[in-house]
Amino acid sequence: MYNAKSLKAEEFISDEEIRETLAYADANKDNVALIDEIIEKAKLRKGLNHREASVLLACEIPEKIQEVYALAEQIKKDFYGNRIVCTALFVKLLRERLCILSVSSEKQTHCKKETDAGRHRKRSYCIAGYGT
């Protein structure tokens, strides 16, 4: 049974739901009223569900595609400013966090602090990968 909020892959990844979503997107890719409604919802920055996102991705109306790109750029600027968002940096950070998370459960539950000889620099390895 499909459950979008489940933590079990078998429940939130459903072949039937994927096929229905693709059919919904194909059926509504030229529905200007629905596309405008989805874009307005996106402007609120509260997130879109997978069906709404699929409609925008399937849209073939050049003006609406441009509107989506412009909104995406504005949202990016609102969140990150004029900085360049580097995907490679995020991949590196994610890899580091995953490495920290793969440490034994004993080290995950207790932060381990090490001191570098001479410099007394403190490093901590915590569950979420956030250190001091």
N, C-alpha and C. Protein backbone atom coordinates (compact mmCIF):
# COMPACT_ATOMS: atom_id res chain seq x y z
N MET A 1 0.84 -1.18 0.00
CA MET A 1 0.00 0.00 0.00
C MET A 1 0.89 1.25 0.00
N TYR A 2 0.55 2.22 -0.83
CA TYR A 2 1.34 3.44 -0.96
C TYR A 2 1.16 4.34 0.25
N ASN A 3 2.29 4.76 0.83
CA ASN A 3 2.28 5.68 1.97
C ASN A 3 3.48 6.62 1.81
N ALA A 4 3.24 7.84 1.36
CA ALA A 4 4.32 8.79 1.08
C ALA A 4 5.14 9.14 2.30
N LYS A 5 4.60 8.98 3.50
CA LYS A 5 5.32 9.36 4.72
C LYS A 5 6.01 8.18 5.40
N SER A 6 5.92 7.03 4.82
CA SER A 6 6.53 5.84 5.40
C SER A 6 8.04 5.89 5.29
N LEU A 7 8.73 5.24 6.19
CA LEU A 7 10.18 5.13 6.14
C LEU A 7 10.61 3.83 5.46
N LYS A 8 9.66 2.99 5.08
CA LYS A 8 9.95 1.73 4.39
C LYS A 8 9.84 1.94 2.89
N ALA A 9 10.89 1.60 2.17
CA ALA A 9 10.92 1.81 0.72
C ALA A 9 9.76 1.12 0.03
N GLU A 10 9.40 -0.07 0.49
CA GLU A 10 8.31 -0.82 -0.14
C GLU A 10 6.98 -0.07 -0.07
N GLU A 11 6.85 0.82 0.91
CA GLU A 11 5.59 1.54 1.08
C GLU A 11 5.57 2.89 0.37
N PHE A 12 6.72 3.57 0.26
CA PHE A 12 6.68 4.88 -0.39
C PHE A 12 7.18 4.86 -1.83
N ILE A 13 7.71 3.75 -2.28
CA ILE A 13 8.05 3.60 -3.69
C ILE A 13 7.08 2.58 -4.26
N SER A 14 6.11 3.07 -5.01
CA SER A 14 5.06 2.20 -5.53
C SER A 14 5.02 2.33 -7.05
N ASP A 15 5.17 1.20 -7.73
CA ASP A 15 5.12 1.20 -9.18
C ASP A 15 3.79 1.76 -9.67
N GLU A 16 2.72 1.37 -9.01
CA GLU A 16 1.39 1.86 -9.40
C GLU A 16 1.29 3.38 -9.25
N GLU A 17 1.80 3.91 -8.13
CA GLU A 17 1.76 5.36 -7.90
C GLU A 17 2.61 6.11 -8.92
N ILE A 18 3.76 5.54 -9.25
CA ILE A 18 4.63 6.18 -10.26
C ILE A 18 3.92 6.24 -11.60
N ARG A 19 3.30 5.13 -12.00
CA ARG A 19 2.59 5.10 -13.28
C ARG A 19 1.40 6.07 -13.29
N GLU A 20 0.66 6.12 -12.19
CA GLU A 20 -0.47 7.05 -12.08
C GLU A 20 0.00 8.50 -12.13
N THR A 21 1.12 8.77 -11.47
CA THR A 21 1.67 10.13 -11.46
C THR A 21 2.10 10.55 -12.86
N LEU A 22 2.76 9.65 -13.59
CA LEU A 22 3.19 9.95 -14.95
C LEU A 22 1.97 10.17 -15.87
N ALA A 23 0.94 9.35 -15.68
CA ALA A 23 -0.30 9.52 -16.48
C ALA A 23 -0.97 10.85 -16.14
N TYR A 24 -0.99 11.21 -14.86
CA TYR A 24 -1.58 12.48 -14.41
C TYR A 24 -0.81 13.65 -15.03
N ALA A 25 0.51 13.55 -15.01
CA ALA A 25 1.33 14.63 -15.59
C ALA A 25 1.09 14.74 -17.08
N ASP A 26 1.01 13.62 -17.76
CA ASP A 26 0.78 13.63 -19.21
C ASP A 26 -0.60 14.21 -19.54
N ALA A 27 -1.58 13.88 -18.72
CA ALA A 27 -2.94 14.38 -18.95
C ALA A 27 -3.07 15.87 -18.66
N ASN A 28 -2.22 16.40 -17.79
CA ASN A 28 -2.34 17.80 -17.37
C ASN A 28 -1.21 18.70 -17.83
N LYS A 29 -0.33 18.21 -18.69
CA LYS A 29 0.83 19.01 -19.10
C LYS A 29 0.47 20.27 -19.88
N ASP A 30 -0.75 20.32 -20.43
CA ASP A 30 -1.20 21.51 -21.16
C ASP A 30 -2.32 22.24 -20.44
N ASN A 31 -2.61 21.86 -19.20
CA ASN A 31 -3.68 22.47 -18.41
C ASN A 31 -3.14 23.76 -17.76
N VAL A 32 -3.31 24.86 -18.46
CA VAL A 32 -2.74 26.14 -18.03
C VAL A 32 -3.24 26.56 -16.66
N ALA A 33 -4.53 26.36 -16.39
CA ALA A 33 -5.08 26.76 -15.09
C ALA A 33 -4.40 25.98 -13.95
N LEU A 34 -4.23 24.68 -14.13
CA LEU A 34 -3.58 23.86 -13.10
C LEU A 34 -2.11 24.24 -12.96
N ILE A 35 -1.44 24.46 -14.07
CA ILE A 35 -0.02 24.84 -14.03
C ILE A 35 0.15 26.18 -13.31
N ASP A 36 -0.72 27.14 -13.59
CA ASP A 36 -0.67 28.43 -12.89
C ASP A 36 -0.90 28.25 -11.39
N GLU A 37 -1.82 27.37 -11.04
CA GLU A 37 -2.12 27.10 -9.63
C GLU A 37 -0.89 26.49 -8.93
N ILE A 38 -0.22 25.57 -9.61
CA ILE A 38 0.98 24.93 -9.04
C ILE A 38 2.11 25.95 -8.89
N ILE A 39 2.27 26.81 -9.88
CA ILE A 39 3.31 27.84 -9.81
C ILE A 39 3.03 28.80 -8.65
N GLU A 40 1.77 29.16 -8.47
CA GLU A 40 1.41 30.04 -7.34
C GLU A 40 1.72 29.36 -6.01
N LYS A 41 1.44 28.07 -5.92
CA LYS A 41 1.76 27.33 -4.70
C LYS A 41 3.29 27.31 -4.49
N ALA A 42 4.04 27.13 -5.57
CA ALA A 42 5.50 27.11 -5.46
C ALA A 42 6.04 28.45 -4.98
N LYS A 43 5.38 29.53 -5.35
CA LYS A 43 5.81 30.86 -4.91
C LYS A 43 5.72 31.03 -3.40
N LEU A 44 4.85 30.24 -2.76
CA LEU A 44 4.72 30.30 -1.30
C LEU A 44 5.87 29.59 -0.59
N ARG A 45 6.67 28.83 -1.36
CA ARG A 45 7.86 28.13 -0.84
C ARG A 45 7.52 27.14 0.28
N LYS A 46 6.39 26.47 0.13
CA LYS A 46 5.98 25.48 1.13
C LYS A 46 6.10 24.07 0.57
N GLY A 47 6.62 23.94 -0.62
CA GLY A 47 6.83 22.63 -1.22
C GLY A 47 5.69 22.19 -2.13
N LEU A 48 6.04 21.31 -3.05
CA LEU A 48 5.07 20.72 -3.97
C LEU A 48 5.07 19.22 -3.74
N ASN A 49 3.94 18.59 -4.00
CA ASN A 49 3.95 17.13 -3.93
C ASN A 49 4.47 16.56 -5.25
N HIS A 50 4.65 15.27 -5.29
CA HIS A 50 5.25 14.65 -6.48
C HIS A 50 4.38 14.80 -7.73
N ARG A 51 3.08 14.82 -7.57
CA ARG A 51 2.20 14.97 -8.74
C ARG A 51 2.30 16.39 -9.31
N GLU A 52 2.34 17.37 -8.43
CA GLU A 52 2.47 18.76 -8.88
C GLU A 52 3.81 18.96 -9.59
N ALA A 53 4.87 18.43 -9.00
CA ALA A 53 6.19 18.56 -9.63
C ALA A 53 6.21 17.86 -10.98
N SER A 54 5.55 16.71 -11.08
CA SER A 54 5.55 15.98 -12.35
C SER A 54 4.82 16.75 -13.45
N VAL A 55 3.77 17.48 -13.08
CA VAL A 55 3.05 18.29 -14.07
C VAL A 55 3.97 19.40 -14.60
N LEU A 56 4.70 20.05 -13.71
CA LEU A 56 5.62 21.11 -14.15
C LEU A 56 6.73 20.54 -15.03
N LEU A 57 7.22 19.35 -14.68
CA LEU A 57 8.27 18.73 -15.48
C LEU A 57 7.78 18.29 -16.85
N ALA A 58 6.51 17.91 -16.94
CA ALA A 58 5.95 17.46 -18.21
C ALA A 58 5.46 18.61 -19.10
N CYS A 59 5.30 19.77 -18.52
CA CYS A 59 4.77 20.93 -19.25
C CYS A 59 5.63 21.24 -20.48
N GLU A 60 4.96 21.49 -21.60
CA GLU A 60 5.66 21.81 -22.85
C GLU A 60 5.34 23.21 -23.35
N ILE A 61 4.70 24.02 -22.52
CA ILE A 61 4.33 25.39 -22.90
C ILE A 61 5.54 26.29 -22.60
N PRO A 62 6.17 26.85 -23.64
CA PRO A 62 7.40 27.62 -23.45
C PRO A 62 7.29 28.75 -22.41
N GLU A 63 6.17 29.47 -22.42
CA GLU A 63 6.02 30.58 -21.46
C GLU A 63 5.99 30.07 -20.03
N LYS A 64 5.33 28.94 -19.81
CA LYS A 64 5.22 28.37 -18.45
C LYS A 64 6.56 27.78 -18.01
N ILE A 65 7.27 27.17 -18.96
CA ILE A 65 8.60 26.64 -18.65
C ILE A 65 9.52 27.78 -18.22
N GLN A 66 9.46 28.89 -18.95
CA GLN A 66 10.27 30.05 -18.60
C GLN A 66 9.87 30.60 -17.23
N GLU A 67 8.57 30.61 -16.95
CA GLU A 67 8.09 31.09 -15.65
C GLU A 67 8.61 30.21 -14.51
N VAL A 68 8.62 28.90 -14.73
CA VAL A 68 9.13 27.96 -13.72
C VAL A 68 10.63 28.19 -13.50
N TYR A 69 11.39 28.36 -14.58
CA TYR A 69 12.83 28.62 -14.46
C TYR A 69 13.08 29.93 -13.70
N ALA A 70 12.32 30.96 -14.02
CA ALA A 70 12.49 32.25 -13.34
C ALA A 70 12.18 32.13 -11.85
N LEU A 71 11.12 31.39 -11.53
CA LEU A 71 10.77 31.20 -10.12
C LEU A 71 11.84 30.39 -9.40
N ALA A 72 12.34 29.35 -10.05
CA ALA A 72 13.40 28.53 -9.45
C ALA A 72 14.64 29.37 -9.18
N GLU A 73 14.99 30.24 -10.12
CA GLU A 73 16.14 31.12 -9.92
C GLU A 73 15.91 32.08 -8.76
N GLN A 74 14.70 32.62 -8.66
CA GLN A 74 14.37 33.54 -7.57
C GLN A 74 14.43 32.83 -6.21
N ILE A 75 13.88 31.63 -6.15
CA ILE A 75 13.91 30.86 -4.90
C ILE A 75 15.35 30.56 -4.51
N LYS A 76 16.18 30.17 -5.48
CA LYS A 76 17.60 29.91 -5.22
C LYS A 76 18.28 31.16 -4.66
N LYS A 77 18.01 32.31 -5.27
CA LYS A 77 18.61 33.56 -4.79
C LYS A 77 18.13 33.91 -3.39
N ASP A 78 16.84 33.66 -3.12
CA ASP A 78 16.30 33.95 -1.79
C ASP A 78 16.96 33.08 -0.72
N PHE A 79 17.25 31.84 -1.04
CA PHE A 79 17.84 30.92 -0.07
C PHE A 79 19.36 31.06 0.01
N TYR A 80 20.03 31.21 -1.14
CA TYR A 80 21.49 31.19 -1.17
C TYR A 80 22.13 32.52 -1.55
N GLY A 81 21.36 33.51 -1.89
CA GLY A 81 21.93 34.77 -2.34
C GLY A 81 22.58 34.61 -3.70
N ASN A 82 23.62 35.38 -3.95
CA ASN A 82 24.30 35.31 -5.24
C ASN A 82 25.45 34.31 -5.25
N ARG A 83 25.54 33.52 -4.18
CA ARG A 83 26.60 32.51 -4.13
C ARG A 83 26.37 31.45 -5.19
N ILE A 84 27.45 30.87 -5.64
CA ILE A 84 27.35 29.74 -6.56
C ILE A 84 27.14 28.50 -5.71
N VAL A 85 26.10 27.78 -6.01
CA VAL A 85 25.81 26.55 -5.28
C VAL A 85 26.53 25.42 -6.00
N CYS A 86 27.51 24.87 -5.34
CA CYS A 86 28.37 23.87 -5.95
C CYS A 86 27.95 22.47 -5.51
N THR A 87 27.47 21.69 -6.45
CA THR A 87 27.01 20.35 -6.15
C THR A 87 28.14 19.49 -5.62
N ALA A 88 29.34 19.65 -6.15
CA ALA A 88 30.47 18.85 -5.69
C ALA A 88 30.72 19.06 -4.20
N LEU A 89 30.53 20.29 -3.73
CA LEU A 89 30.70 20.58 -2.31
C LEU A 89 29.67 19.81 -1.49
N PHE A 90 28.42 19.78 -1.94
CA PHE A 90 27.38 19.06 -1.21
C PHE A 90 27.66 17.56 -1.20
N VAL A 91 28.17 17.04 -2.31
CA VAL A 91 28.51 15.61 -2.37
C VAL A 91 29.60 15.30 -1.36
N LYS A 92 30.61 16.16 -1.28
CA LYS A 92 31.71 15.96 -0.33
C LYS A 92 31.20 16.00 1.11
N LEU A 93 30.35 16.97 1.42
CA LEU A 93 29.79 17.07 2.77
C LEU A 93 28.94 15.85 3.10
N LEU A 94 28.14 15.41 2.15
CA LEU A 94 27.30 14.25 2.38
C LEU A 94 28.15 13.01 2.62
N ARG A 95 29.19 12.84 1.83
CA ARG A 95 30.07 11.69 1.99
C ARG A 95 30.72 11.70 3.37
N GLU A 96 31.18 12.88 3.82
CA GLU A 96 31.79 12.99 5.14
C GLU A 96 30.78 12.63 6.23
N ARG A 97 29.57 13.11 6.09
CA ARG A 97 28.54 12.82 7.09
C ARG A 97 28.20 11.34 7.11
N LEU A 98 28.13 10.72 5.92
CA LEU A 98 27.83 9.30 5.86
C LEU A 98 28.95 8.48 6.49
N CYS A 99 30.19 8.91 6.28
CA CYS A 99 31.32 8.21 6.90
C CYS A 99 31.22 8.30 8.42
N ILE A 100 30.85 9.46 8.91
CA ILE A 100 30.71 9.64 10.36
C ILE A 100 29.57 8.78 10.88
N LEU A 101 28.48 8.70 10.11
CA LEU A 101 27.34 7.91 10.55
C LEU A 101 27.63 6.42 10.54
N SER A 102 28.61 6.00 9.75
CA SER A 102 28.91 4.58 9.67
C SER A 102 29.82 4.10 10.79
N VAL A 103 30.26 5.02 11.64
CA VAL A 103 31.08 4.66 12.79
C VAL A 103 30.25 3.77 13.71
N SER A 104 30.89 2.96 14.51
CA SER A 104 30.15 2.04 15.38
C SER A 104 29.13 2.78 16.24
N SER A 105 28.11 2.05 16.68
CA SER A 105 27.03 2.68 17.45
C SER A 105 27.55 3.28 18.75
N GLU A 106 28.58 2.71 19.34
CA GLU A 106 29.14 3.27 20.57
C GLU A 106 29.70 4.67 20.31
N LYS A 107 30.39 4.83 19.19
CA LYS A 107 30.96 6.14 18.85
C LYS A 107 29.87 7.09 18.38
N GLN A 108 28.79 6.56 17.85
CA GLN A 108 27.71 7.43 17.40
C GLN A 108 26.98 8.07 18.57
N THR A 109 26.79 7.33 19.63
CA THR A 109 26.01 7.86 20.74
C THR A 109 26.82 8.76 21.66
N HIS A 110 28.12 8.64 21.63
CA HIS A 110 28.96 9.49 22.46
C HIS A 110 29.93 10.24 21.56
N CYS A 111 29.97 11.52 21.69
CA CYS A 111 30.90 12.30 20.90
C CYS A 111 32.32 11.97 21.34
N LYS A 112 33.17 11.76 20.36
CA LYS A 112 34.58 11.45 20.64
C LYS A 112 35.38 12.71 20.40
N LYS A 113 36.11 13.13 21.39
CA LYS A 113 36.91 14.34 21.25
C LYS A 113 38.38 13.97 21.23
N GLU A 114 39.06 14.51 20.26
CA GLU A 114 40.49 14.26 20.14
C GLU A 114 41.21 15.59 20.25
N THR A 115 42.40 15.53 20.72
CA THR A 115 43.21 16.74 20.81
C THR A 115 44.45 16.56 19.95
N ASP A 116 44.68 17.50 19.06
CA ASP A 116 45.89 17.47 18.26
C ASP A 116 47.06 17.88 19.13
N ALA A 117 48.15 17.18 19.00
CA ALA A 117 49.34 17.47 19.81
C ALA A 117 49.82 18.89 19.54
N GLY A 118 50.00 19.64 20.60
CA GLY A 118 50.55 20.99 20.49
C GLY A 118 49.52 22.06 20.17
N ARG A 119 48.48 21.75 19.42
CA ARG A 119 47.55 22.79 19.01
C ARG A 119 46.26 22.77 19.82
N HIS A 120 45.97 21.69 20.50
CA HIS A 120 44.78 21.56 21.32
C HIS A 120 43.50 21.86 20.55
N ARG A 121 43.51 21.45 19.29
CA ARG A 121 42.31 21.64 18.49
C ARG A 121 41.34 20.50 18.78
N LYS A 122 40.10 20.83 18.98
CA LYS A 122 39.10 19.85 19.37
C LYS A 122 38.30 19.43 18.14
N ARG A 123 38.10 18.13 18.01
CA ARG A 123 37.24 17.60 16.96
C ARG A 123 36.21 16.71 17.62
N SER A 124 35.00 16.80 17.20
CA SER A 124 34.00 15.89 17.73
C SER A 124 33.26 15.23 16.59
N TYR A 125 32.98 13.98 16.79
CA TYR A 125 32.27 13.19 15.79
C TYR A 125 30.96 12.76 16.43
N CYS A 126 29.87 13.35 15.99
CA CYS A 126 28.58 13.09 16.61
C CYS A 126 27.67 12.38 15.61
N ILE A 127 26.55 11.97 16.12
CA ILE A 127 25.58 11.22 15.31
C ILE A 127 25.25 11.89 13.98
N ALA A 128 24.94 13.16 13.98
CA ALA A 128 24.51 13.81 12.74
C ALA A 128 25.68 14.35 11.94
N GLY A 129 26.88 14.19 12.43
CA GLY A 129 28.04 14.68 11.70
C GLY A 129 28.34 16.13 11.96
N TYR A 130 27.66 16.74 12.90
CA TYR A 130 27.94 18.13 13.22
C TYR A 130 28.97 18.16 14.32
N GLY A 131 30.00 18.93 14.15
CA GLY A 131 31.07 18.97 15.16
C GLY A 131 31.28 20.34 15.71
N THR A 132 32.07 20.42 16.78
CA THR A 132 32.42 21.70 17.37
C THR A 132 33.90 21.93 17.22
